[in-house]
């Protein structure tokens, strides 16, 4: 984070990416989320939306609350969606889980 934001050092997004990768390789959920964000925004690497999605899934699979939230948001914002879409349904489901089932979509049959 410090290399990405320039806190106490010069900004070095490539180094930030490398350190997030190391943390992700160790199974650290925050490292996985930060690495996914790098792929999503092209921070220290090329944009790769599919890789970002897979990493958000990995963090969610660790039952990390932020991972579930990011995956839900990412699922609903970065794919061609409609109310019948599987990706949309998964995104809404994960959002509901991370929001403690306070979803405005409860009455929708596709969830």
N, C-alpha and C. Protein backbone atom coordinates (compact mmCIF):
# COMPACT_ATOMS: atom_id res chain seq x y z
N UNK A 1 0.83 -1.19 0.00
CA UNK A 1 0.00 0.00 0.00
C UNK A 1 0.87 1.25 0.00
N UNK A 2 1.94 1.22 0.76
CA UNK A 2 2.81 2.39 0.82
C UNK A 2 3.44 2.70 -0.52
N UNK A 3 3.88 1.67 -1.25
CA UNK A 3 4.44 1.89 -2.58
C UNK A 3 3.38 2.37 -3.56
N UNK A 4 2.19 1.88 -3.42
CA UNK A 4 1.11 2.29 -4.32
C UNK A 4 0.73 3.74 -4.10
N UNK A 5 0.72 4.16 -2.83
CA UNK A 5 0.25 5.50 -2.47
C UNK A 5 1.36 6.50 -2.22
N UNK A 6 2.61 6.04 -2.14
CA UNK A 6 3.71 6.96 -1.88
C UNK A 6 3.81 7.38 -0.42
N UNK A 7 3.47 6.49 0.48
CA UNK A 7 3.53 6.80 1.91
C UNK A 7 4.91 6.39 2.43
N UNK A 8 5.73 7.37 2.79
CA UNK A 8 7.06 7.10 3.31
C UNK A 8 8.07 6.71 2.25
N UNK A 9 7.68 6.71 1.01
CA UNK A 9 8.56 6.32 -0.10
C UNK A 9 8.01 6.91 -1.39
N UNK A 10 8.79 6.82 -2.43
CA UNK A 10 8.29 7.24 -3.74
C UNK A 10 7.27 6.23 -4.23
N UNK A 11 6.31 6.71 -5.00
CA UNK A 11 5.32 5.80 -5.60
C UNK A 11 6.04 4.86 -6.55
N UNK A 12 5.78 3.57 -6.36
CA UNK A 12 6.34 2.55 -7.24
C UNK A 12 5.26 1.47 -7.38
N UNK A 13 4.40 1.67 -8.35
CA UNK A 13 3.26 0.77 -8.51
C UNK A 13 3.68 -0.65 -8.89
N UNK A 14 4.76 -0.79 -9.61
CA UNK A 14 5.24 -2.13 -9.96
C UNK A 14 5.67 -2.88 -8.69
N UNK A 15 6.36 -2.19 -7.80
CA UNK A 15 6.78 -2.81 -6.54
C UNK A 15 5.56 -3.14 -5.68
N UNK A 16 4.58 -2.26 -5.65
CA UNK A 16 3.34 -2.54 -4.91
C UNK A 16 2.70 -3.81 -5.44
N UNK A 17 2.61 -3.93 -6.77
CA UNK A 17 2.04 -5.12 -7.39
C UNK A 17 2.80 -6.36 -6.96
N UNK A 18 4.13 -6.30 -6.99
CA UNK A 18 4.96 -7.45 -6.60
C UNK A 18 4.71 -7.86 -5.15
N UNK A 19 4.59 -6.89 -4.27
CA UNK A 19 4.36 -7.21 -2.85
C UNK A 19 2.95 -7.74 -2.61
N UNK A 20 1.97 -7.20 -3.32
CA UNK A 20 0.62 -7.76 -3.23
C UNK A 20 0.61 -9.20 -3.72
N UNK A 21 1.38 -9.48 -4.78
CA UNK A 21 1.47 -10.84 -5.31
C UNK A 21 2.06 -11.78 -4.26
N UNK A 22 3.11 -11.34 -3.57
CA UNK A 22 3.71 -12.17 -2.51
C UNK A 22 2.71 -12.45 -1.40
N UNK A 23 1.98 -11.42 -0.98
CA UNK A 23 0.99 -11.60 0.08
C UNK A 23 -0.12 -12.55 -0.39
N UNK A 24 -0.55 -12.39 -1.63
CA UNK A 24 -1.59 -13.27 -2.19
C UNK A 24 -1.09 -14.71 -2.26
N UNK A 25 0.16 -14.89 -2.65
CA UNK A 25 0.74 -16.24 -2.73
C UNK A 25 0.77 -16.92 -1.37
N UNK A 26 0.82 -16.12 -0.31
CA UNK A 26 0.81 -16.66 1.06
C UNK A 26 -0.61 -16.88 1.58
N UNK A 27 -1.61 -16.57 0.74
CA UNK A 27 -3.00 -16.78 1.12
C UNK A 27 -3.62 -15.66 1.92
N UNK A 28 -2.98 -14.50 1.94
CA UNK A 28 -3.49 -13.35 2.68
C UNK A 28 -4.65 -12.72 1.90
N UNK A 29 -5.83 -12.68 2.51
CA UNK A 29 -7.02 -12.17 1.82
C UNK A 29 -6.86 -10.73 1.37
N UNK A 30 -6.30 -9.87 2.22
CA UNK A 30 -6.12 -8.46 1.85
C UNK A 30 -5.14 -8.36 0.68
N UNK A 31 -4.10 -9.17 0.67
CA UNK A 31 -3.17 -9.18 -0.45
C UNK A 31 -3.85 -9.60 -1.73
N UNK A 32 -4.73 -10.60 -1.63
CA UNK A 32 -5.47 -11.08 -2.80
C UNK A 32 -6.38 -9.98 -3.34
N UNK A 33 -7.07 -9.29 -2.44
CA UNK A 33 -7.97 -8.20 -2.84
C UNK A 33 -7.17 -7.07 -3.50
N UNK A 34 -6.05 -6.69 -2.87
CA UNK A 34 -5.23 -5.62 -3.45
C UNK A 34 -4.68 -6.01 -4.81
N UNK A 35 -4.28 -7.27 -4.96
CA UNK A 35 -3.79 -7.74 -6.25
C UNK A 35 -4.90 -7.71 -7.29
N UNK A 36 -6.09 -8.12 -6.90
CA UNK A 36 -7.24 -8.06 -7.81
C UNK A 36 -7.49 -6.63 -8.27
N UNK A 37 -7.41 -5.69 -7.34
CA UNK A 37 -7.60 -4.28 -7.68
C UNK A 37 -6.54 -3.81 -8.67
N UNK A 38 -5.29 -4.28 -8.49
CA UNK A 38 -4.22 -3.93 -9.44
C UNK A 38 -4.57 -4.41 -10.84
N UNK A 39 -5.05 -5.63 -10.95
CA UNK A 39 -5.43 -6.15 -12.26
C UNK A 39 -6.64 -5.39 -12.81
N UNK A 40 -7.55 -5.01 -11.95
CA UNK A 40 -8.74 -4.28 -12.39
C UNK A 40 -8.36 -2.89 -12.94
N UNK A 41 -7.45 -2.21 -12.27
CA UNK A 41 -7.09 -0.84 -12.64
C UNK A 41 -5.80 -0.72 -13.44
N UNK A 42 -5.06 -1.83 -13.58
CA UNK A 42 -3.79 -1.76 -14.29
C UNK A 42 -2.70 -1.10 -13.47
N UNK A 43 -2.67 -1.35 -12.18
CA UNK A 43 -1.67 -0.76 -11.28
C UNK A 43 -0.47 -1.71 -11.22
N UNK A 44 0.63 -1.32 -11.83
CA UNK A 44 1.84 -2.12 -11.82
C UNK A 44 1.79 -3.30 -12.76
N UNK A 45 0.74 -3.42 -13.52
CA UNK A 45 0.55 -4.52 -14.46
C UNK A 45 -0.46 -4.10 -15.51
N UNK A 46 -0.72 -4.97 -16.46
CA UNK A 46 -1.73 -4.69 -17.47
C UNK A 46 -3.12 -4.97 -16.89
N UNK A 47 -4.12 -4.27 -17.38
CA UNK A 47 -5.50 -4.53 -16.98
C UNK A 47 -5.87 -5.94 -17.43
N UNK A 48 -6.45 -6.70 -16.51
CA UNK A 48 -6.92 -8.05 -16.80
C UNK A 48 -8.16 -8.29 -15.95
N UNK A 49 -9.31 -7.96 -16.50
CA UNK A 49 -10.57 -8.05 -15.76
C UNK A 49 -10.88 -9.48 -15.32
N UNK A 50 -10.56 -10.45 -16.17
CA UNK A 50 -10.82 -11.85 -15.81
C UNK A 50 -9.98 -12.27 -14.60
N UNK A 51 -8.71 -11.90 -14.61
CA UNK A 51 -7.83 -12.23 -13.48
C UNK A 51 -8.32 -11.53 -12.22
N UNK A 52 -8.75 -10.28 -12.34
CA UNK A 52 -9.28 -9.56 -11.19
C UNK A 52 -10.49 -10.29 -10.61
N UNK A 53 -11.39 -10.70 -11.49
CA UNK A 53 -12.58 -11.42 -11.05
C UNK A 53 -12.20 -12.71 -10.33
N UNK A 54 -11.25 -13.46 -10.89
CA UNK A 54 -10.81 -14.72 -10.27
C UNK A 54 -10.21 -14.49 -8.89
N UNK A 55 -9.45 -13.40 -8.76
CA UNK A 55 -8.85 -13.10 -7.46
C UNK A 55 -9.90 -12.66 -6.44
N UNK A 56 -10.88 -11.88 -6.88
CA UNK A 56 -11.97 -11.51 -5.96
C UNK A 56 -12.71 -12.78 -5.52
N UNK A 57 -12.89 -13.73 -6.43
CA UNK A 57 -13.51 -15.02 -6.07
C UNK A 57 -12.66 -15.74 -5.03
N UNK A 58 -11.35 -15.74 -5.22
CA UNK A 58 -10.45 -16.42 -4.29
C UNK A 58 -10.56 -15.82 -2.89
N UNK A 59 -10.61 -14.50 -2.80
CA UNK A 59 -10.76 -13.84 -1.50
C UNK A 59 -12.11 -14.18 -0.88
N UNK A 60 -13.14 -14.21 -1.69
CA UNK A 60 -14.48 -14.56 -1.20
C UNK A 60 -14.50 -16.00 -0.71
N UNK A 61 -13.79 -16.89 -1.39
CA UNK A 61 -13.73 -18.29 -0.98
C UNK A 61 -13.03 -18.47 0.36
N UNK A 62 -12.23 -17.49 0.76
CA UNK A 62 -11.60 -17.51 2.08
C UNK A 62 -12.55 -17.00 3.15
N UNK A 63 -13.78 -16.72 2.75
CA UNK A 63 -14.84 -16.19 3.62
C UNK A 63 -14.47 -14.83 4.20
N UNK A 64 -13.71 -14.08 3.42
CA UNK A 64 -13.36 -12.72 3.81
C UNK A 64 -14.52 -11.80 3.46
N UNK A 65 -15.00 -11.02 4.43
CA UNK A 65 -16.16 -10.16 4.22
C UNK A 65 -15.91 -9.15 3.10
N UNK A 66 -14.73 -8.56 3.08
CA UNK A 66 -14.41 -7.61 2.02
C UNK A 66 -14.34 -8.33 0.67
N UNK A 67 -13.80 -9.54 0.67
CA UNK A 67 -13.74 -10.32 -0.56
C UNK A 67 -15.12 -10.60 -1.12
N UNK A 68 -16.05 -10.97 -0.24
CA UNK A 68 -17.43 -11.20 -0.67
C UNK A 68 -18.04 -9.93 -1.22
N UNK A 69 -17.81 -8.82 -0.54
CA UNK A 69 -18.37 -7.55 -0.97
C UNK A 69 -17.79 -7.12 -2.32
N UNK A 70 -16.47 -7.17 -2.45
CA UNK A 70 -15.84 -6.79 -3.72
C UNK A 70 -16.30 -7.69 -4.86
N UNK A 71 -16.40 -8.99 -4.60
CA UNK A 71 -16.84 -9.90 -5.65
C UNK A 71 -18.26 -9.57 -6.09
N UNK A 72 -19.13 -9.33 -5.13
CA UNK A 72 -20.50 -8.96 -5.47
C UNK A 72 -20.57 -7.69 -6.29
N UNK A 73 -19.82 -6.68 -5.86
CA UNK A 73 -19.80 -5.42 -6.60
C UNK A 73 -19.19 -5.61 -7.98
N UNK A 74 -18.09 -6.35 -8.05
CA UNK A 74 -17.41 -6.57 -9.31
C UNK A 74 -18.28 -7.35 -10.28
N UNK A 75 -18.97 -8.33 -9.76
CA UNK A 75 -19.84 -9.15 -10.60
C UNK A 75 -20.94 -8.33 -11.24
N UNK A 76 -21.51 -7.40 -10.50
CA UNK A 76 -22.63 -6.64 -11.01
C UNK A 76 -22.20 -5.43 -11.84
N UNK A 77 -20.95 -5.00 -11.73
CA UNK A 77 -20.53 -3.78 -12.42
C UNK A 77 -19.70 -4.03 -13.67
N UNK A 78 -19.11 -5.20 -13.83
CA UNK A 78 -18.12 -5.38 -14.89
C UNK A 78 -18.48 -6.42 -15.92
N UNK A 79 -19.70 -6.84 -15.95
CA UNK A 79 -20.14 -7.81 -16.95
C UNK A 79 -21.43 -7.33 -17.57
N UNK A 80 -21.68 -7.80 -18.78
CA UNK A 80 -22.95 -7.51 -19.43
C UNK A 80 -24.03 -8.27 -18.68
N UNK A 81 -24.93 -7.54 -18.06
CA UNK A 81 -25.87 -8.16 -17.13
C UNK A 81 -27.31 -7.92 -17.51
N UNK A 82 -28.14 -8.82 -17.10
CA UNK A 82 -29.57 -8.63 -17.10
C UNK A 82 -30.11 -9.44 -15.93
N UNK A 83 -31.37 -9.36 -15.67
CA UNK A 83 -31.94 -10.02 -14.49
C UNK A 83 -31.88 -11.54 -14.58
N UNK A 84 -31.63 -12.10 -15.72
CA UNK A 84 -31.55 -13.56 -15.88
C UNK A 84 -30.11 -14.06 -15.89
N UNK A 85 -29.14 -13.16 -15.83
CA UNK A 85 -27.73 -13.52 -15.93
C UNK A 85 -27.24 -14.27 -14.69
N UNK A 86 -26.52 -15.36 -14.91
CA UNK A 86 -25.93 -16.11 -13.79
C UNK A 86 -24.96 -15.26 -13.00
N UNK A 87 -24.13 -14.48 -13.71
CA UNK A 87 -23.16 -13.62 -13.03
C UNK A 87 -23.88 -12.60 -12.17
N UNK A 88 -24.96 -12.03 -12.71
CA UNK A 88 -25.74 -11.07 -11.94
C UNK A 88 -26.31 -11.71 -10.68
N UNK A 89 -26.84 -12.91 -10.82
CA UNK A 89 -27.42 -13.62 -9.68
C UNK A 89 -26.38 -13.90 -8.61
N UNK A 90 -25.19 -14.35 -9.04
CA UNK A 90 -24.12 -14.61 -8.08
C UNK A 90 -23.70 -13.31 -7.41
N UNK A 91 -23.58 -12.25 -8.18
CA UNK A 91 -23.21 -10.95 -7.61
C UNK A 91 -24.20 -10.48 -6.57
N UNK A 92 -25.48 -10.59 -6.87
CA UNK A 92 -26.51 -10.17 -5.92
C UNK A 92 -26.48 -11.07 -4.69
N UNK A 93 -26.33 -12.36 -4.88
CA UNK A 93 -26.27 -13.28 -3.76
C UNK A 93 -25.10 -12.95 -2.84
N UNK A 94 -23.93 -12.72 -3.40
CA UNK A 94 -22.77 -12.39 -2.58
C UNK A 94 -22.95 -11.04 -1.90
N UNK A 95 -23.58 -10.10 -2.60
CA UNK A 95 -23.84 -8.81 -1.98
C UNK A 95 -24.78 -8.98 -0.79
N UNK A 96 -25.81 -9.82 -0.95
CA UNK A 96 -26.73 -10.08 0.16
C UNK A 96 -26.01 -10.69 1.36
N UNK A 97 -25.13 -11.63 1.09
CA UNK A 97 -24.38 -12.26 2.18
C UNK A 97 -23.54 -11.22 2.91
N UNK A 98 -22.83 -10.39 2.16
CA UNK A 98 -21.96 -9.40 2.79
C UNK A 98 -22.77 -8.29 3.47
N UNK A 99 -24.01 -8.09 3.06
CA UNK A 99 -24.87 -7.05 3.65
C UNK A 99 -25.79 -7.63 4.73
N UNK A 100 -25.49 -8.84 5.19
CA UNK A 100 -26.30 -9.49 6.21
C UNK A 100 -27.76 -9.61 5.80
N UNK A 101 -27.96 -9.95 4.51
CA UNK A 101 -29.29 -10.21 3.97
C UNK A 101 -30.22 -9.00 4.05
N UNK A 102 -29.68 -7.80 3.85
CA UNK A 102 -30.51 -6.59 3.81
C UNK A 102 -30.68 -6.13 2.37
N UNK A 103 -30.91 -7.06 1.49
CA UNK A 103 -30.97 -6.75 0.07
C UNK A 103 -32.32 -6.16 -0.34
N UNK A 104 -32.28 -5.14 -1.20
CA UNK A 104 -33.53 -4.62 -1.77
C UNK A 104 -34.07 -5.54 -2.85
N UNK A 105 -33.36 -6.62 -3.17
CA UNK A 105 -33.74 -7.52 -4.24
C UNK A 105 -34.44 -8.78 -3.75
N UNK A 106 -34.84 -8.84 -2.50
CA UNK A 106 -35.40 -10.06 -1.94
C UNK A 106 -36.60 -10.57 -2.73
N UNK A 107 -37.39 -9.66 -3.27
CA UNK A 107 -38.61 -10.09 -3.96
C UNK A 107 -38.38 -10.47 -5.43
N UNK A 108 -37.12 -10.42 -5.90
CA UNK A 108 -36.83 -10.75 -7.30
C UNK A 108 -36.68 -12.26 -7.44
N UNK A 109 -37.35 -12.87 -8.43
CA UNK A 109 -37.31 -14.32 -8.60
C UNK A 109 -35.98 -14.86 -9.12
N UNK A 110 -35.12 -13.99 -9.67
CA UNK A 110 -33.87 -14.47 -10.26
C UNK A 110 -32.74 -14.57 -9.26
N UNK A 111 -32.96 -14.16 -8.02
CA UNK A 111 -31.90 -14.20 -7.00
C UNK A 111 -31.87 -15.55 -6.36
